[in-house]
């Protein structure tokens, strides 16, 4: 259980309740998969992480990275150092949408009339995937339309919910 707790804490889900579904670290090894995906359009990229045990996703984590204005967002580490010198526009930084959830949620409200905060949407998607087998998540994504997937994930309203779940599925399949 200690190994499971440390592994889950490293990907940021140590307090999410995901440990409740891990019966024993000795029962089967935990495997971690991480992928970069285009889950949400062409202006950002998604990093998805899945922790898998016996073919079951026991934890998932998502974040999008996009260039955002320096006046509204905090960039990734070293954006203000040598790394940031390579940005095409000095008024833009590569930024985590999760780390800038307050701004990005306000932006989503203005642009798309979103009623659910960005980080709450991702948490609902992560929660939906957690506890599912790789096969059952794959079946859901194969047999449901994009709109049906949004409806299936309680608490999430993102039009690209299916893309985020596909990213988690890819991470789960990549787990080693």
N, C-alpha and C. Protein backbone atom coordinates (compact mmCIF):
# COMPACT_ATOMS: atom_id res chain seq x y z
N UNK A 1 0.83 -1.19 0.00
CA UNK A 1 0.00 0.00 0.00
C UNK A 1 0.88 1.25 0.00
N UNK A 2 2.02 1.18 0.68
CA UNK A 2 2.93 2.32 0.70
C UNK A 2 3.41 2.65 -0.71
N UNK A 3 3.77 1.61 -1.47
CA UNK A 3 4.23 1.83 -2.84
C UNK A 3 3.12 2.48 -3.66
N UNK A 4 1.90 1.99 -3.50
CA UNK A 4 0.77 2.56 -4.23
C UNK A 4 0.59 4.02 -3.84
N UNK A 5 0.67 4.32 -2.55
CA UNK A 5 0.49 5.69 -2.09
C UNK A 5 1.54 6.63 -2.64
N UNK A 6 2.78 6.18 -2.64
CA UNK A 6 3.86 7.02 -3.17
C UNK A 6 3.66 7.22 -4.66
N UNK A 7 3.36 6.16 -5.40
CA UNK A 7 3.17 6.28 -6.85
C UNK A 7 2.04 7.23 -7.17
N UNK A 8 0.93 7.12 -6.46
CA UNK A 8 -0.22 7.97 -6.74
C UNK A 8 0.05 9.41 -6.31
N UNK A 9 0.77 9.59 -5.22
CA UNK A 9 1.09 10.95 -4.78
C UNK A 9 1.98 11.64 -5.79
N UNK A 10 2.86 10.89 -6.44
CA UNK A 10 3.76 11.48 -7.43
C UNK A 10 3.02 12.05 -8.62
N UNK A 11 1.88 11.46 -8.98
CA UNK A 11 1.14 12.01 -10.12
C UNK A 11 0.00 12.91 -9.66
N UNK A 12 -0.06 13.19 -8.37
CA UNK A 12 -1.00 14.21 -7.91
C UNK A 12 -2.39 13.71 -7.57
N UNK A 13 -2.54 12.43 -7.28
CA UNK A 13 -3.87 11.94 -6.93
C UNK A 13 -3.89 11.31 -5.54
N UNK A 14 -2.91 11.62 -4.74
CA UNK A 14 -2.82 11.03 -3.41
C UNK A 14 -4.02 11.31 -2.54
N UNK A 15 -4.75 12.37 -2.75
CA UNK A 15 -5.91 12.70 -1.93
C UNK A 15 -7.22 12.53 -2.67
N UNK A 16 -7.21 11.88 -3.83
CA UNK A 16 -8.41 11.81 -4.65
C UNK A 16 -9.31 10.65 -4.30
N UNK A 17 -8.91 9.78 -3.39
CA UNK A 17 -9.71 8.61 -3.10
C UNK A 17 -9.31 7.42 -3.96
N UNK A 18 -8.36 7.62 -4.87
CA UNK A 18 -7.95 6.53 -5.76
C UNK A 18 -7.34 5.38 -4.97
N UNK A 19 -6.73 5.67 -3.81
CA UNK A 19 -6.14 4.62 -3.01
C UNK A 19 -7.19 3.65 -2.49
N UNK A 20 -8.44 4.08 -2.39
CA UNK A 20 -9.49 3.20 -1.90
C UNK A 20 -9.68 2.00 -2.81
N UNK A 21 -9.35 2.11 -4.08
CA UNK A 21 -9.55 1.02 -5.01
C UNK A 21 -8.34 0.10 -5.11
N UNK A 22 -7.25 0.42 -4.42
CA UNK A 22 -6.05 -0.41 -4.44
C UNK A 22 -6.09 -1.28 -3.20
N UNK A 23 -6.30 -2.58 -3.39
CA UNK A 23 -6.45 -3.46 -2.24
C UNK A 23 -5.11 -3.81 -1.61
N UNK A 24 -4.11 -4.03 -2.44
CA UNK A 24 -2.80 -4.37 -1.91
C UNK A 24 -1.76 -4.20 -3.00
N UNK A 25 -0.68 -3.52 -2.66
CA UNK A 25 0.38 -3.34 -3.65
C UNK A 25 1.02 -4.68 -3.97
N UNK A 26 0.92 -5.65 -3.05
CA UNK A 26 1.51 -6.95 -3.28
C UNK A 26 0.66 -7.80 -4.21
N UNK A 27 -0.62 -7.48 -4.39
CA UNK A 27 -1.50 -8.31 -5.22
C UNK A 27 -1.14 -8.24 -6.69
N UNK A 28 -0.65 -7.15 -7.14
CA UNK A 28 -0.20 -6.98 -8.52
C UNK A 28 0.59 -5.70 -8.60
N UNK A 29 1.57 -5.66 -9.50
CA UNK A 29 2.37 -4.43 -9.60
C UNK A 29 1.56 -3.27 -10.19
N UNK A 30 1.90 -2.10 -9.77
CA UNK A 30 1.34 -0.89 -10.37
C UNK A 30 2.19 -0.55 -11.57
N UNK A 31 1.53 -0.20 -12.66
CA UNK A 31 2.23 0.20 -13.87
C UNK A 31 1.78 1.61 -14.21
N UNK A 32 2.72 2.43 -14.65
CA UNK A 32 2.42 3.83 -14.96
C UNK A 32 2.66 4.09 -16.44
N UNK A 33 1.68 4.73 -17.06
CA UNK A 33 1.81 5.11 -18.46
C UNK A 33 1.62 6.61 -18.60
N UNK A 34 2.34 7.21 -19.52
CA UNK A 34 2.25 8.65 -19.76
C UNK A 34 2.32 8.89 -21.26
N UNK A 35 1.40 9.70 -21.77
CA UNK A 35 1.41 10.03 -23.19
C UNK A 35 1.13 11.52 -23.38
N UNK A 36 1.56 12.01 -24.52
CA UNK A 36 1.19 13.35 -24.97
C UNK A 36 0.19 13.14 -26.09
N UNK A 37 -0.88 13.92 -26.09
CA UNK A 37 -1.97 13.71 -27.05
C UNK A 37 -2.55 15.04 -27.51
N UNK A 38 -3.31 14.99 -28.57
CA UNK A 38 -4.07 16.15 -29.05
C UNK A 38 -5.53 15.92 -28.70
N UNK A 39 -5.84 15.98 -27.42
CA UNK A 39 -7.19 15.67 -26.94
C UNK A 39 -8.16 16.82 -27.18
N UNK A 40 -7.64 18.03 -27.33
CA UNK A 40 -8.51 19.21 -27.40
C UNK A 40 -8.01 20.18 -28.47
N UNK A 41 -8.36 19.94 -29.68
CA UNK A 41 -8.03 20.87 -30.75
C UNK A 41 -6.57 20.87 -31.15
N UNK A 42 -6.17 21.96 -31.83
CA UNK A 42 -4.82 22.04 -32.39
C UNK A 42 -3.98 23.17 -31.79
N UNK A 43 -4.49 23.84 -30.76
CA UNK A 43 -3.75 24.96 -30.17
C UNK A 43 -3.09 24.60 -28.85
N UNK A 44 -3.19 23.34 -28.44
CA UNK A 44 -2.59 22.90 -27.19
C UNK A 44 -2.24 21.43 -27.31
N UNK A 45 -1.62 20.89 -26.26
CA UNK A 45 -1.42 19.45 -26.19
C UNK A 45 -1.74 18.98 -24.78
N UNK A 46 -2.10 17.72 -24.67
CA UNK A 46 -2.51 17.12 -23.41
C UNK A 46 -1.45 16.14 -22.94
N UNK A 47 -1.18 16.15 -21.64
CA UNK A 47 -0.37 15.12 -21.03
C UNK A 47 -1.33 14.28 -20.18
N UNK A 48 -1.36 12.98 -20.46
CA UNK A 48 -2.23 12.06 -19.72
C UNK A 48 -1.36 11.02 -19.03
N UNK A 49 -1.68 10.74 -17.78
CA UNK A 49 -0.99 9.72 -17.00
C UNK A 49 -2.04 8.76 -16.46
N UNK A 50 -1.73 7.47 -16.52
CA UNK A 50 -2.62 6.46 -15.96
C UNK A 50 -1.80 5.48 -15.14
N UNK A 51 -2.32 5.13 -13.98
CA UNK A 51 -1.72 4.08 -13.15
C UNK A 51 -2.65 2.88 -13.29
N UNK A 52 -2.06 1.74 -13.66
CA UNK A 52 -2.85 0.54 -13.96
C UNK A 52 -2.39 -0.60 -13.06
N UNK A 53 -3.37 -1.37 -12.56
CA UNK A 53 -3.09 -2.56 -11.77
C UNK A 53 -4.06 -3.65 -12.22
N UNK A 54 -3.54 -4.78 -12.67
CA UNK A 54 -4.37 -5.89 -13.15
C UNK A 54 -5.35 -5.45 -14.24
N UNK A 55 -4.92 -4.57 -15.13
CA UNK A 55 -5.79 -4.14 -16.21
C UNK A 55 -6.83 -3.11 -15.83
N UNK A 56 -6.78 -2.64 -14.58
CA UNK A 56 -7.73 -1.64 -14.08
C UNK A 56 -7.00 -0.31 -13.90
N UNK A 57 -7.61 0.76 -14.36
CA UNK A 57 -7.04 2.09 -14.17
C UNK A 57 -7.35 2.50 -12.74
N UNK A 58 -6.31 2.60 -11.90
CA UNK A 58 -6.52 2.94 -10.50
C UNK A 58 -6.32 4.43 -10.23
N UNK A 59 -5.76 5.14 -11.20
CA UNK A 59 -5.61 6.59 -11.07
C UNK A 59 -5.33 7.17 -12.46
N UNK A 60 -5.79 8.40 -12.66
CA UNK A 60 -5.55 9.08 -13.93
C UNK A 60 -5.32 10.56 -13.66
N UNK A 61 -4.52 11.17 -14.51
CA UNK A 61 -4.24 12.59 -14.39
C UNK A 61 -4.13 13.20 -15.79
N UNK A 62 -4.74 14.37 -15.95
CA UNK A 62 -4.75 15.08 -17.23
C UNK A 62 -4.32 16.53 -17.04
N UNK A 63 -3.67 17.09 -18.03
CA UNK A 63 -3.43 18.53 -18.08
C UNK A 63 -3.18 18.91 -19.53
N UNK A 64 -3.60 20.11 -19.87
CA UNK A 64 -3.34 20.67 -21.19
C UNK A 64 -2.30 21.77 -21.05
N UNK A 65 -1.48 21.92 -22.09
CA UNK A 65 -0.48 22.99 -22.14
C UNK A 65 -0.72 23.79 -23.40
N UNK A 66 -0.72 25.10 -23.25
CA UNK A 66 -1.00 25.99 -24.36
C UNK A 66 -0.24 27.30 -24.15
N UNK A 67 0.05 27.99 -25.24
CA UNK A 67 0.65 29.31 -25.11
C UNK A 67 -0.44 30.29 -24.70
N UNK A 68 -0.22 30.98 -23.60
CA UNK A 68 -1.16 31.96 -23.06
C UNK A 68 -0.40 33.26 -22.79
N UNK A 69 -1.12 34.33 -22.70
CA UNK A 69 -0.51 35.63 -22.46
C UNK A 69 0.12 35.75 -21.09
N UNK A 70 1.26 36.43 -21.03
CA UNK A 70 1.95 36.62 -19.75
C UNK A 70 1.15 37.50 -18.81
N UNK A 71 0.21 38.27 -19.35
CA UNK A 71 -0.61 39.14 -18.51
C UNK A 71 -1.70 38.37 -17.76
N UNK A 72 -1.97 37.12 -18.18
CA UNK A 72 -3.06 36.35 -17.55
C UNK A 72 -2.62 35.00 -17.02
N UNK A 73 -1.43 34.53 -17.41
CA UNK A 73 -1.04 33.17 -17.06
C UNK A 73 0.39 33.11 -16.52
N UNK A 74 0.61 32.10 -15.69
CA UNK A 74 1.94 31.78 -15.20
C UNK A 74 2.47 30.65 -16.07
N UNK A 75 3.65 30.84 -16.64
CA UNK A 75 4.23 29.84 -17.53
C UNK A 75 4.83 28.67 -16.80
N UNK A 76 5.20 27.65 -17.57
CA UNK A 76 5.88 26.49 -17.01
C UNK A 76 7.22 26.94 -16.44
N UNK A 77 7.85 26.12 -15.59
CA UNK A 77 9.14 26.50 -15.04
C UNK A 77 10.14 26.89 -16.13
N UNK A 78 10.95 27.87 -15.83
CA UNK A 78 12.00 28.42 -16.70
C UNK A 78 11.47 29.25 -17.86
N UNK A 79 10.17 29.56 -17.85
CA UNK A 79 9.62 30.44 -18.88
C UNK A 79 10.28 31.82 -18.82
N UNK A 80 10.71 32.20 -17.64
CA UNK A 80 11.35 33.50 -17.46
C UNK A 80 12.88 33.39 -17.52
N UNK A 81 13.38 32.21 -17.91
CA UNK A 81 14.83 31.97 -17.99
C UNK A 81 15.20 31.61 -19.43
N UNK A 82 16.27 30.87 -19.61
CA UNK A 82 16.76 30.51 -20.94
C UNK A 82 15.68 29.81 -21.79
N UNK A 83 14.92 28.92 -21.19
CA UNK A 83 13.87 28.22 -21.92
C UNK A 83 12.92 29.20 -22.58
N UNK A 84 12.51 30.22 -21.86
CA UNK A 84 11.57 31.20 -22.36
C UNK A 84 12.12 32.09 -23.46
N UNK A 85 13.44 32.17 -23.58
CA UNK A 85 14.04 32.99 -24.64
C UNK A 85 13.72 32.45 -26.03
N UNK A 86 13.28 31.21 -26.09
CA UNK A 86 12.96 30.60 -27.39
C UNK A 86 11.50 30.79 -27.79
N UNK A 87 10.72 31.46 -26.96
CA UNK A 87 9.33 31.72 -27.33
C UNK A 87 9.29 32.73 -28.47
N UNK A 88 8.46 32.46 -29.45
CA UNK A 88 8.34 33.34 -30.61
C UNK A 88 7.87 34.73 -30.20
N UNK A 89 6.89 34.78 -29.31
CA UNK A 89 6.33 36.04 -28.83
C UNK A 89 6.64 36.17 -27.34
N UNK A 90 7.41 37.17 -26.95
CA UNK A 90 7.79 37.32 -25.53
C UNK A 90 6.60 37.62 -24.61
N UNK A 91 5.46 37.94 -25.19
CA UNK A 91 4.27 38.20 -24.38
C UNK A 91 3.42 36.94 -24.17
N UNK A 92 3.94 35.81 -24.63
CA UNK A 92 3.25 34.53 -24.48
C UNK A 92 4.16 33.55 -23.76
N UNK A 93 3.54 32.65 -22.96
CA UNK A 93 4.29 31.60 -22.27
C UNK A 93 3.58 30.28 -22.44
N UNK A 94 4.36 29.20 -22.48
CA UNK A 94 3.77 27.87 -22.44
C UNK A 94 3.27 27.68 -21.03
N UNK A 95 1.98 27.36 -20.89
CA UNK A 95 1.38 27.31 -19.57
C UNK A 95 0.49 26.09 -19.39
N UNK A 96 0.47 25.59 -18.18
CA UNK A 96 -0.45 24.52 -17.78
C UNK A 96 -1.83 25.14 -17.58
N UNK A 97 -2.84 24.56 -18.22
CA UNK A 97 -4.19 25.08 -18.01
C UNK A 97 -4.67 24.76 -16.60
N UNK A 98 -4.21 23.64 -16.03
CA UNK A 98 -4.61 23.30 -14.65
C UNK A 98 -4.01 24.32 -13.67
N UNK A 99 -2.75 24.65 -13.86
CA UNK A 99 -2.10 25.62 -12.97
C UNK A 99 -2.73 27.00 -13.12
N UNK A 100 -3.33 27.26 -14.27
CA UNK A 100 -3.98 28.54 -14.55
C UNK A 100 -5.50 28.37 -14.68
N UNK A 101 -6.04 27.44 -13.88
CA UNK A 101 -7.45 27.06 -14.00
C UNK A 101 -8.41 28.24 -13.78
N UNK A 102 -8.08 29.13 -12.87
CA UNK A 102 -8.98 30.26 -12.62
C UNK A 102 -9.14 31.10 -13.90
N UNK A 103 -8.02 31.48 -14.50
CA UNK A 103 -8.08 32.27 -15.74
C UNK A 103 -8.76 31.47 -16.84
N UNK A 104 -8.33 30.21 -17.04
CA UNK A 104 -8.84 29.45 -18.17
C UNK A 104 -10.34 29.17 -18.01
N UNK A 105 -10.79 28.95 -16.80
CA UNK A 105 -12.23 28.74 -16.55
C UNK A 105 -13.02 30.00 -16.90
N UNK A 106 -12.50 31.16 -16.52
CA UNK A 106 -13.16 32.42 -16.88
C UNK A 106 -13.21 32.59 -18.39
N UNK A 107 -12.12 32.23 -19.06
CA UNK A 107 -12.06 32.30 -20.53
C UNK A 107 -13.11 31.37 -21.15
N UNK A 108 -13.23 30.16 -20.62
CA UNK A 108 -14.22 29.21 -21.14
C UNK A 108 -15.65 29.70 -20.91
N UNK A 109 -15.87 30.40 -19.81
CA UNK A 109 -17.19 30.96 -19.53
C UNK A 109 -17.53 32.03 -20.56
N UNK A 110 -16.56 32.90 -20.84
CA UNK A 110 -16.78 33.97 -21.82
C UNK A 110 -16.94 33.43 -23.24
N UNK A 111 -16.08 32.51 -23.65
CA UNK A 111 -16.06 32.04 -25.04
C UNK A 111 -17.12 30.99 -25.35
N UNK A 112 -17.36 30.08 -24.40
CA UNK A 112 -18.24 28.94 -24.69
C UNK A 112 -19.40 28.80 -23.71
N UNK A 113 -19.56 29.80 -22.85
CA UNK A 113 -20.64 29.77 -21.85
C UNK A 113 -20.54 28.56 -20.91
N UNK A 114 -19.31 28.12 -20.63
CA UNK A 114 -19.10 26.98 -19.75
C UNK A 114 -19.59 27.29 -18.34
N UNK A 115 -20.20 26.31 -17.72
CA UNK A 115 -20.71 26.48 -16.36
C UNK A 115 -19.91 25.67 -15.35
N UNK A 116 -18.93 24.89 -15.83
CA UNK A 116 -18.11 24.06 -14.95
C UNK A 116 -16.66 24.50 -15.13
N UNK A 117 -15.96 24.72 -14.02
CA UNK A 117 -14.56 25.15 -14.07
C UNK A 117 -13.71 24.09 -14.78
N UNK A 118 -12.68 24.57 -15.45
CA UNK A 118 -11.80 23.69 -16.23
C UNK A 118 -11.25 22.54 -15.38
N UNK A 119 -10.69 22.86 -14.22
CA UNK A 119 -10.10 21.81 -13.39
C UNK A 119 -11.15 20.83 -12.86
N UNK A 120 -12.37 21.30 -12.63
CA UNK A 120 -13.46 20.42 -12.19
C UNK A 120 -13.86 19.47 -13.32
N UNK A 121 -13.88 19.97 -14.56
CA UNK A 121 -14.15 19.12 -15.72
C UNK A 121 -13.13 17.99 -15.81
N UNK A 122 -11.84 18.34 -15.73
CA UNK A 122 -10.80 17.32 -15.83
C UNK A 122 -10.90 16.32 -14.68
N UNK A 123 -11.20 16.82 -13.48
CA UNK A 123 -11.35 15.92 -12.32
C UNK A 123 -12.48 14.92 -12.55
N UNK A 124 -13.58 15.36 -13.14
CA UNK A 124 -14.71 14.47 -13.42
C UNK A 124 -14.31 13.40 -14.44
N UNK A 125 -13.54 13.80 -15.44
CA UNK A 125 -13.09 12.85 -16.46
C UNK A 125 -12.12 11.84 -15.85
N UNK A 126 -11.19 12.32 -15.03
CA UNK A 126 -10.25 11.42 -14.35
C UNK A 126 -11.00 10.44 -13.46
N UNK A 127 -11.99 10.94 -12.74
CA UNK A 127 -12.79 10.09 -11.84
C UNK A 127 -13.56 9.03 -12.64
N UNK A 128 -14.11 9.42 -13.78
CA UNK A 128 -14.85 8.48 -14.63
C UNK A 128 -13.95 7.32 -15.07
N UNK A 129 -12.72 7.61 -15.45
CA UNK A 129 -11.80 6.57 -15.93
C UNK A 129 -11.29 5.69 -14.80
N UNK A 130 -11.17 6.25 -13.60
CA UNK A 130 -10.63 5.52 -12.47
C UNK A 130 -11.59 4.41 -12.05
N UNK A 131 -11.03 3.20 -11.94
CA UNK A 131 -11.83 2.03 -11.56
C UNK A 131 -12.31 1.23 -12.76
N UNK A 132 -12.16 1.78 -13.95
CA UNK A 132 -12.56 1.06 -15.17
C UNK A 132 -11.41 0.18 -15.65
N UNK A 133 -11.77 -0.94 -16.26
CA UNK A 133 -10.74 -1.73 -16.92
C UNK A 133 -10.39 -1.04 -18.23
N UNK A 134 -9.23 -1.35 -18.74
CA UNK A 134 -8.84 -0.80 -20.03
C UNK A 134 -9.86 -1.22 -21.08
N UNK A 135 -10.28 -2.48 -21.02
CA UNK A 135 -11.24 -2.99 -22.01
C UNK A 135 -12.59 -2.28 -21.90
N UNK A 136 -13.07 -2.01 -20.69
CA UNK A 136 -14.39 -1.36 -20.58
C UNK A 136 -14.33 0.10 -21.03
N UNK A 137 -13.22 0.79 -20.74
CA UNK A 137 -13.08 2.16 -21.22
C UNK A 137 -13.00 2.18 -22.74
N UNK A 138 -12.26 1.23 -23.29
CA UNK A 138 -12.16 1.14 -24.74
C UNK A 138 -13.53 0.86 -25.37
N UNK A 139 -14.32 0.00 -24.75
CA UNK A 139 -15.66 -0.32 -25.26
C UNK A 139 -16.56 0.92 -25.22
N UNK A 140 -16.48 1.67 -24.14
CA UNK A 140 -17.27 2.90 -24.03
C UNK A 140 -16.92 3.85 -25.17
N UNK A 141 -15.64 4.02 -25.41
CA UNK A 141 -15.20 4.96 -26.45
C UNK A 141 -15.50 4.45 -27.86
N UNK A 142 -15.59 3.15 -28.02
CA UNK A 142 -15.89 2.58 -29.32
C UNK A 142 -17.38 2.63 -29.64
N UNK A 143 -18.22 2.42 -28.61
CA UNK A 143 -19.66 2.25 -28.86
C UNK A 143 -20.50 3.48 -28.58
N UNK A 144 -19.90 4.54 -28.07
CA UNK A 144 -20.66 5.76 -27.79
C UNK A 144 -20.18 6.90 -28.70
N UNK A 145 -21.12 7.74 -29.08
CA UNK A 145 -20.77 8.92 -29.88
C UNK A 145 -20.07 9.93 -28.97
N UNK A 146 -19.47 10.93 -29.59
CA UNK A 146 -18.80 12.00 -28.84
C UNK A 146 -19.77 12.64 -27.84
N UNK A 147 -20.99 12.89 -28.26
CA UNK A 147 -22.00 13.51 -27.40
C UNK A 147 -22.43 12.57 -26.27
N UNK A 148 -22.56 11.27 -26.58
CA UNK A 148 -22.94 10.29 -25.55
C UNK A 148 -21.85 10.16 -24.49
N UNK A 149 -20.59 10.30 -24.89
CA UNK A 149 -19.49 10.23 -23.93
C UNK A 149 -19.57 11.42 -22.98
N UNK A 150 -19.84 12.61 -23.50
CA UNK A 150 -19.99 13.80 -22.64
C UNK A 150 -21.11 13.55 -21.63
N UNK A 151 -22.24 13.02 -22.10
CA UNK A 151 -23.38 12.74 -21.23
C UNK A 151 -23.06 11.67 -20.18
N UNK A 152 -22.20 10.72 -20.52
CA UNK A 152 -21.87 9.61 -19.61
C UNK A 152 -20.99 10.04 -18.44
N UNK A 153 -20.23 11.10 -18.62
CA UNK A 153 -19.29 11.53 -17.58
C UNK A 153 -19.95 12.59 -16.71
N UNK A 154 -20.43 12.16 -15.57
CA UNK A 154 -21.11 13.06 -14.65
C UNK A 154 -20.17 14.16 -14.17
N UNK A 155 -20.60 15.40 -14.30
CA UNK A 155 -19.80 16.52 -13.82
C UNK A 155 -18.91 17.15 -14.88
N UNK A 156 -18.81 16.54 -16.04
CA UNK A 156 -17.97 17.09 -17.11
C UNK A 156 -18.86 17.60 -18.24
N UNK A 157 -18.51 18.77 -18.75
CA UNK A 157 -19.28 19.36 -19.84
C UNK A 157 -18.42 19.68 -21.05
N UNK A 158 -17.17 19.27 -21.03
CA UNK A 158 -16.26 19.59 -22.12
C UNK A 158 -16.64 18.83 -23.38
N UNK A 159 -16.74 19.55 -24.48
CA UNK A 159 -17.09 18.93 -25.76
C UNK A 159 -16.04 17.89 -26.17
N UNK A 160 -14.81 18.03 -25.70
CA UNK A 160 -13.75 17.08 -26.03
C UNK A 160 -13.51 16.03 -24.95
N UNK A 161 -14.54 15.73 -24.16
CA UNK A 161 -14.42 14.70 -23.12
C UNK A 161 -13.92 13.39 -23.72
N UNK A 162 -14.43 13.02 -24.88
CA UNK A 162 -14.00 11.79 -25.54
C UNK A 162 -12.50 11.81 -25.83
N UNK A 163 -11.99 12.94 -26.29
CA UNK A 163 -10.56 13.06 -26.56
C UNK A 163 -9.71 12.88 -25.31
N UNK A 164 -10.17 13.44 -24.20
CA UNK A 164 -9.45 13.28 -22.94
C UNK A 164 -9.46 11.83 -22.48
N UNK A 165 -10.62 11.16 -22.62
CA UNK A 165 -10.69 9.75 -22.23
C UNK A 165 -9.82 8.88 -23.15
N UNK A 166 -9.75 9.23 -24.42
CA UNK A 166 -8.86 8.50 -25.33
C UNK A 166 -7.41 8.67 -24.92
N UNK A 167 -7.06 9.86 -24.43
CA UNK A 167 -5.69 10.10 -23.96
C UNK A 167 -5.39 9.25 -22.73
N UNK A 168 -6.34 9.16 -21.80
CA UNK A 168 -6.16 8.31 -20.61
C UNK A 168 -6.02 6.86 -21.06
N UNK A 169 -6.86 6.42 -22.00
CA UNK A 169 -6.80 5.05 -22.49
C UNK A 169 -5.42 4.77 -23.11
N UNK A 170 -4.91 5.70 -23.89
CA UNK A 170 -3.58 5.53 -24.49
C UNK A 170 -2.51 5.42 -23.41
N UNK A 171 -2.63 6.24 -22.37
CA UNK A 171 -1.67 6.18 -21.26
C UNK A 171 -1.76 4.84 -20.55
N UNK A 172 -2.99 4.37 -20.35
CA UNK A 172 -3.17 3.07 -19.68
C UNK A 172 -2.56 1.94 -20.51
N UNK A 173 -2.75 1.99 -21.81
CA UNK A 173 -2.19 0.96 -22.68
C UNK A 173 -0.65 1.04 -22.74
N UNK A 174 -0.11 2.22 -22.48
CA UNK A 174 1.35 2.42 -22.50
C UNK A 174 2.00 2.09 -21.16
N UNK A 175 1.19 1.79 -20.16
CA UNK A 175 1.71 1.56 -18.80
C UNK A 175 2.69 0.40 -18.77
N UNK A 176 3.80 0.67 -18.08
CA UNK A 176 4.85 -0.36 -17.93
C UNK A 176 5.26 -0.46 -16.49
